[in-house]
C-alpha cells in the first residue's frame, strides 16, 4: 500500500484517526475512486500471475519458462 496513492494509513492504536480518515474518504468520492483505481492498477501490474512468473523466470535464468507457465495456467483454467 502506498500512502495517499493506493490507500490511507492510520495508527493502529488510534481509533479517532481511523474515524477521521474514514470520514474524509466518505466526504470525497473522487479521492475514493482515485485510490481504488490506483490500487487496482498496482495489483494487476505487480501481483498478476504473468508479472510474477516473468520475474521468477528472469531471476533463475529460465528464458521462455514464464510464457510456458502462463499458457499452462490458461489451459488448466479453461478445462
Protein backbone atom coordinates (compact mmCIF):
# COMPACT_ATOMS: atom_id res chain seq x y z
CA UNK A 1 0.00 0.00 0.00
CA UNK A 2 1.30 3.42 -0.89
CA UNK A 3 0.14 6.16 1.45
CA UNK A 4 -2.07 8.64 -0.31
CA UNK A 5 -1.77 6.79 -3.63
CA UNK A 6 -3.41 3.41 -3.13
CA UNK A 7 -4.75 3.86 0.39
CA UNK A 8 -4.65 5.73 3.66
CA UNK A 9 -2.53 4.77 6.66
CA UNK A 10 -3.58 5.43 10.22
CA UNK A 11 -2.02 4.44 13.52
CA UNK A 12 -3.47 1.08 14.51
CA UNK A 13 -3.88 2.27 18.10
CA UNK A 14 -5.73 5.47 17.21
CA UNK A 15 -9.44 4.88 16.61
CA UNK A 16 -10.04 8.63 16.33
CA UNK A 17 -7.54 8.82 13.45
CA UNK A 18 -9.30 5.93 11.74
CA UNK A 19 -12.64 7.70 12.15
CA UNK A 20 -11.20 10.92 10.70
CA UNK A 21 -9.71 9.06 7.74
CA UNK A 22 -12.99 7.27 7.04
CA UNK A 23 -14.96 10.50 7.33
CA UNK A 24 -12.59 12.19 4.90
CA UNK A 25 -13.00 9.35 2.39
CA UNK A 26 -16.77 9.30 2.78
CA UNK A 27 -16.84 13.03 2.03
CA UNK A 28 -14.60 12.72 -1.06
CA UNK A 29 -15.89 10.26 -3.68
CA UNK A 30 -13.30 11.38 -6.24
CA UNK A 31 -10.46 10.54 -3.85
CA UNK A 32 -12.04 7.16 -3.03
CA UNK A 33 -12.25 6.40 -6.73
CA UNK A 34 -8.67 7.52 -7.38
CA UNK A 35 -7.34 5.35 -4.54
CA UNK A 36 -9.33 2.38 -5.81
CA UNK A 37 -8.19 2.79 -9.41
CA UNK A 38 -4.55 3.16 -8.34
CA UNK A 39 -4.80 0.15 -6.04
CA UNK A 40 -6.35 -2.00 -8.74
CA UNK A 41 -3.66 -0.95 -11.24
CA UNK A 42 -0.94 -1.84 -8.74
CA UNK A 43 -2.43 -5.27 -8.06
CA UNK A 44 -2.76 -6.04 -11.76
CA UNK A 45 0.74 -4.74 -12.52
CA UNK A 46 2.73 -6.09 -9.60
CA UNK A 47 0.87 -9.14 -8.38
CA UNK A 48 -0.59 -10.67 -11.54
CA UNK A 49 0.43 -14.22 -12.33
CA UNK A 50 2.21 -13.20 -15.52
CA UNK A 51 4.28 -10.50 -13.81
CA UNK A 52 5.36 -12.81 -11.01
CA UNK A 53 6.23 -15.65 -13.36
CA UNK A 54 8.28 -13.33 -15.54
CA UNK A 55 10.19 -12.02 -12.51
CA UNK A 56 10.91 -15.55 -11.31
CA UNK A 57 11.95 -16.71 -14.76
CA UNK A 58 14.39 -13.79 -15.08
CA UNK A 59 15.75 -14.38 -11.60
CA UNK A 60 16.51 -18.02 -12.32
CA UNK A 61 17.53 -17.51 -15.94
CA UNK A 62 14.70 -19.58 -17.34
CA UNK A 63 14.04 -17.94 -20.68
CA UNK A 64 10.62 -18.87 -22.01
CA UNK A 65 9.54 -20.53 -18.76
CA UNK A 66 7.18 -17.71 -17.82
CA UNK A 67 5.34 -17.86 -21.12
CA UNK A 68 5.00 -21.64 -20.85
CA UNK A 69 3.68 -21.41 -17.29
CA UNK A 70 1.15 -18.72 -18.21
CA UNK A 71 -0.02 -20.81 -21.16
CA UNK A 72 -0.34 -23.90 -18.95
CA UNK A 73 -2.32 -21.91 -16.37
CA UNK A 74 -4.72 -20.65 -19.05
CA UNK A 75 -5.21 -24.15 -20.42
CA UNK A 76 -5.90 -25.52 -16.94
CA UNK A 77 -8.36 -22.73 -16.13
CA UNK A 78 -10.28 -23.26 -19.35
CA UNK A 79 -10.63 -27.04 -18.80
